[in-house]
C-alpha atoms as a PDB file:
ATOM      1  CA  MET A   1       0.000   0.000   0.000  1.00  0.00           C
ATOM      2  CA  GLU A   2       1.327   3.427  -0.963  1.00  0.00           C
ATOM      3  CA  ASP A   3       2.201   5.817   1.833  1.00  0.00           C
ATOM      4  CA  ARG A   4      -0.114   8.796   1.318  1.00  0.00           C
ATOM      5  CA  THR A   5       1.952  10.964   3.677  1.00  0.00           C
ATOM      6  CA  ARG A   6       5.043  10.680   1.455  1.00  0.00           C
ATOM      7  CA  GLN A   7       6.040  14.021  -0.037  1.00  0.00           C
ATOM      8  CA  LYS A   8       5.373  13.990  -3.778  1.00  0.00           C
ATOM      9  CA  LYS A   9       8.448  14.329  -5.949  1.00  0.00           C
ATOM     10  CA  LEU A  10       8.944  16.233  -9.198  1.00  0.00           C
ATOM     11  CA  LEU A  11      11.812  15.855 -11.638  1.00  0.00           C
ATOM     12  CA  ILE A  12      12.261  19.102 -13.559  1.00  0.00           C
ATOM     13  CA  ILE A  13      14.451  18.874 -16.665  1.00  0.00           C
ATOM     14  CA  GLU A  14      15.121  22.368 -18.048  1.00  0.00           C
ATOM     15  CA  ASP A  15      18.321  23.843 -19.501  1.00  0.00           C
ATOM     16  CA  ASP A  16      17.390  27.465 -18.682  1.00  0.00           C
ATOM     17  CA  VAL A  17      18.775  27.963 -15.166  1.00  0.00           C
ATOM     18  CA  ASP A  18      16.472  30.933 -14.475  1.00  0.00           C
ATOM     19  CA  ILE A  19      13.355  28.899 -15.301  1.00  0.00           C
ATOM     20  CA  LEU A  20      14.750  25.989 -13.292  1.00  0.00           C
ATOM     21  CA  GLU A  21      15.193  28.210 -10.212  1.00  0.00           C
ATOM     22  CA  ILE A  22      11.703  29.693 -10.556  1.00  0.00           C
ATOM     23  CA  LEU A  23      10.096  26.255 -10.887  1.00  0.00           C
ATOM     24  CA  ASP A  24      12.126  24.988  -7.929  1.00  0.00           C
ATOM     25  CA  CYS A  25      10.846  27.838  -5.723  1.00  0.00           C
ATOM     26  CA  ILE A  26       7.250  27.463  -6.875  1.00  0.00           C
ATOM     27  CA  PHE A  27       6.994  23.726  -6.385  1.00  0.00           C
ATOM     28  CA  CYS A  28       8.902  23.678  -3.093  1.00  0.00           C
ATOM     29  CA  GLU A  29       6.340  26.219  -1.840  1.00  0.00           C
ATOM     30  CA  GLU A  30       3.613  23.891  -3.136  1.00  0.00           C
ATOM     31  CA  GLY A  31       5.032  21.179  -0.872  1.00  0.00           C
ATOM     32  CA  TYR A  32       6.846  19.042  -3.437  1.00  0.00           C
ATOM     33  CA  GLN A  33      10.274  17.520  -3.172  1.00  0.00           C
ATOM     34  CA  VAL A  34      12.018  18.821  -6.299  1.00  0.00           C
ATOM     35  CA  VAL A  35      14.891  17.257  -8.232  1.00  0.00           C
ATOM     36  CA  LEU A  36      16.469  19.585 -10.796  1.00  0.00           C
ATOM     37  CA  SER A  37      18.311  18.668 -13.975  1.00  0.00           C
ATOM     38  CA  GLU A  38      19.798  20.904 -16.654  1.00  0.00           C
ATOM     39  CA  THR A  39      20.803  17.994 -18.882  1.00  0.00           C
ATOM     40  CA  GLY A  40      18.213  15.250 -18.587  1.00  0.00           C
ATOM     41  CA  PHE A  41      20.867  12.663 -17.749  1.00  0.00           C
ATOM     42  CA  GLU A  42      18.949  11.876 -14.547  1.00  0.00           C
ATOM     43  CA  SER A  43      16.211  10.406 -16.747  1.00  0.00           C
ATOM     44  CA  GLU A  44      18.546   7.536 -17.707  1.00  0.00           C
ATOM     45  CA  ASP A  45      17.865   5.765 -14.402  1.00  0.00           C
ATOM     46  CA  LEU A  46      14.836   7.000 -12.487  1.00  0.00           C
ATOM     47  CA  SER A  47      14.923   4.238  -9.864  1.00  0.00           C
ATOM     48  CA  MET A  48      16.868   6.450  -7.443  1.00  0.00           C
ATOM     49  CA  ILE A  49      14.666   9.505  -8.013  1.00  0.00           C
ATOM     50  CA  ASN A  50      11.290   7.768  -8.413  1.00  0.00           C
ATOM     51  CA  PRO A  51       9.418  10.958  -9.433  1.00  0.00           C
ATOM     52  CA  ASP A  52       5.645  11.314  -9.295  1.00  0.00           C
ATOM     53  CA  LEU A  53       5.760  13.639 -12.318  1.00  0.00           C
ATOM     54  CA  ILE A  54       8.327  15.002 -14.781  1.00  0.00           C
ATOM     55  CA  LEU A  55       8.384  18.532 -16.186  1.00  0.00           C
ATOM     56  CA  LEU A  56      10.436  18.271 -19.366  1.00  0.00           C
ATOM     57  CA  ASP A  57      11.768  21.027 -21.598  1.00  0.00           C
ATOM     58  CA  LEU A  58      11.472  20.058 -25.240  1.00  0.00           C
ATOM     59  CA  ARG A  59      14.807  21.543 -26.353  1.00  0.00           C
ATOM     60  CA  LEU A  60      17.783  20.902 -24.100  1.00  0.00           C
ATOM     61  CA  SER A  61      20.242  23.006 -26.051  1.00  0.00           C
ATOM     62  CA  SER A  62      23.152  22.593 -23.651  1.00  0.00           C
ATOM     63  CA  THR A  63      23.349  18.865 -24.340  1.00  0.00           C
ATOM     64  CA  GLY A  64      21.779  18.535 -27.776  1.00  0.00           C
ATOM     65  CA  ARG A  65      19.281  16.147 -26.202  1.00  0.00           C
ATOM     66  CA  GLU A  66      15.655  16.282 -27.205  1.00  0.00           C
ATOM     67  CA  GLY A  67      12.904  16.266 -24.608  1.00  0.00           C
ATOM     68  CA  ALA A  68      10.692  14.337 -27.033  1.00  0.00           C
ATOM     69  CA  THR A  69      13.321  11.572 -27.293  1.00  0.00           C
ATOM     70  CA  ILE A  70      13.585  11.342 -23.500  1.00  0.00           C
ATOM     71  CA  CYS A  71       9.798  11.244 -23.243  1.00  0.00           C
ATOM     72  CA  MET A  72       9.447   8.476 -25.845  1.00  0.00           C
ATOM     73  CA  ARG A  73      12.111   6.405 -24.097  1.00  0.00           C
ATOM     74  CA  LEU A  74      10.445   6.758 -20.688  1.00  0.00           C
ATOM     75  CA  LYS A  75       6.974   6.039 -22.065  1.00  0.00           C
ATOM     76  CA  SER A  76       8.236   2.905 -23.843  1.00  0.00           C
ATOM     77  CA  LYS A  77       9.585   1.272 -20.658  1.00  0.00           C
ATOM     78  CA  ALA A  78       7.287  -0.687 -18.344  1.00  0.00           C
ATOM     79  CA  GLU A  79       8.995   0.673 -15.229  1.00  0.00           C
ATOM     80  CA  THR A  80       8.573   4.359 -16.224  1.00  0.00           C
ATOM     81  CA  CYS A  81       5.580   4.531 -18.587  1.00  0.00           C
ATOM     82  CA  HIS A  82       3.202   5.351 -15.699  1.00  0.00           C
ATOM     83  CA  ILE A  83       5.042   8.563 -14.732  1.00  0.00           C
ATOM     84  CA  PRO A  84       3.147  11.621 -16.017  1.00  0.00           C
ATOM     85  CA  ILE A  85       5.229  13.902 -18.231  1.00  0.00           C
ATOM     86  CA  ILE A  86       4.428  17.533 -19.008  1.00  0.00           C
ATOM     87  CA  LEU A  87       6.364  19.069 -21.903  1.00  0.00           C
ATOM     88  CA  LEU A  88       7.378  22.724 -21.702  1.00  0.00           C
ATOM     89  CA  SER A  89       8.351  24.525 -24.890  1.00  0.00           C
ATOM     90  CA  ALA A  90       8.166  27.651 -26.978  1.00  0.00           C
ATOM     91  CA  GLU A  91       7.829  25.481 -30.102  1.00  0.00           C
ATOM     92  CA  ARG A  92       4.705  26.197 -32.138  1.00  0.00           C
ATOM     93  CA  ASP A  93       4.053  22.517 -32.809  1.00  0.00           C
ATOM     94  CA  ILE A  94       4.257  21.443 -29.153  1.00  0.00           C
ATOM     95  CA  LYS A  95       0.754  19.938 -29.213  1.00  0.00           C
ATOM     96  CA  GLN A  96       1.726  17.599 -32.067  1.00  0.00           C
ATOM     97  CA  VAL A  97       5.089  16.775 -30.458  1.00  0.00           C
ATOM     98  CA  CYS A  98       3.267  15.965 -27.208  1.00  0.00           C
ATOM     99  CA  THR A  99       0.990  13.539 -29.076  1.00  0.00           C
ATOM    100  CA  ASP A 100       3.858  11.999 -31.061  1.00  0.00           C
ATOM    101  CA  CYS A 101       6.122  11.301 -28.074  1.00  0.00           C
ATOM    102  CA  GLY A 102       3.400  10.162 -25.673  1.00  0.00           C
ATOM    103  CA  ALA A 103       3.615  13.026 -23.155  1.00  0.00           C
ATOM    104  CA  ASP A 104       0.625  13.391 -20.866  1.00  0.00           C
ATOM    105  CA  ASN A 105       0.266  17.141 -21.303  1.00  0.00           C
ATOM    106  CA  TYR A 106       2.106  20.282 -22.380  1.00  0.00           C
ATOM    107  CA  LEU A 107       2.375  24.005 -21.750  1.00  0.00           C
ATOM    108  CA  SER A 108       3.727  26.589 -24.139  1.00  0.00           C
ATOM    109  CA  LYS A 109       6.402  29.018 -22.990  1.00  0.00           C
ATOM    110  CA  PRO A 110       6.009  31.563 -21.655  1.00  0.00           C
ATOM    111  CA  PHE A 111       3.625  29.675 -19.404  1.00  0.00           C
ATOM    112  CA  ASP A 112       1.276  30.874 -16.700  1.00  0.00           C
ATOM    113  CA  ILE A 113       2.557  29.751 -13.271  1.00  0.00           C
ATOM    114  CA  ASP A 114      -0.964  29.250 -11.898  1.00  0.00           C
ATOM    115  CA  GLN A 115      -1.949  27.140 -14.902  1.00  0.00           C
ATOM    116  CA  LEU A 116       1.193  25.023 -14.483  1.00  0.00           C
ATOM    117  CA  THR A 117       0.674  24.445 -10.750  1.00  0.00           C
ATOM    118  CA  VAL A 118      -2.980  23.490 -11.270  1.00  0.00           C
ATOM    119  CA  MET A 119      -1.944  21.064 -14.039  1.00  0.00           C
ATOM    120  CA  VAL A 120       0.830  19.495 -11.922  1.00  0.00           C
ATOM    121  CA  ASN A 121      -1.331  19.240  -8.800  1.00  0.00           C
ATOM    122  CA  SER A 122      -4.192  17.564 -10.657  1.00  0.00           C
ATOM    123  CA  MET A 123      -1.912  15.114 -12.472  1.00  0.00           C
ATOM    124  CA  VAL A 124      -0.010  14.136  -9.314  1.00  0.00           C
ATOM    125  CA  LYS A 125      -3.206  13.573  -7.352  1.00  0.00           C
ATOM    126  CA  ASN A 126      -4.714  11.340 -10.067  1.00  0.00           C
END
């Protein structure tokens, strides 16, 4: 049986340090345990992190990695396919990318903080 008192954990993968810091502050205030990544390398083995949800930037320019590729890989594995993933991007075709890679939802940058927190809270609770 899952421990309902366990603090929910978010993995935030974003190469913009300013956005990363803002999201860290917001979700810590919301009561989440937050794990930050500028590169996405933490997504290679999520067993140590065990996130309840992943916020994933679509373009990780510092590493050349693609958020969509990370998302597809995680959604194709039995041990990680259940983890909700929200894509964040300024790309115009983010809705199609979200569908193509199997992400659970998306928000376009610049995003509304309230909209993001409502989306995260509802997806983590479900």
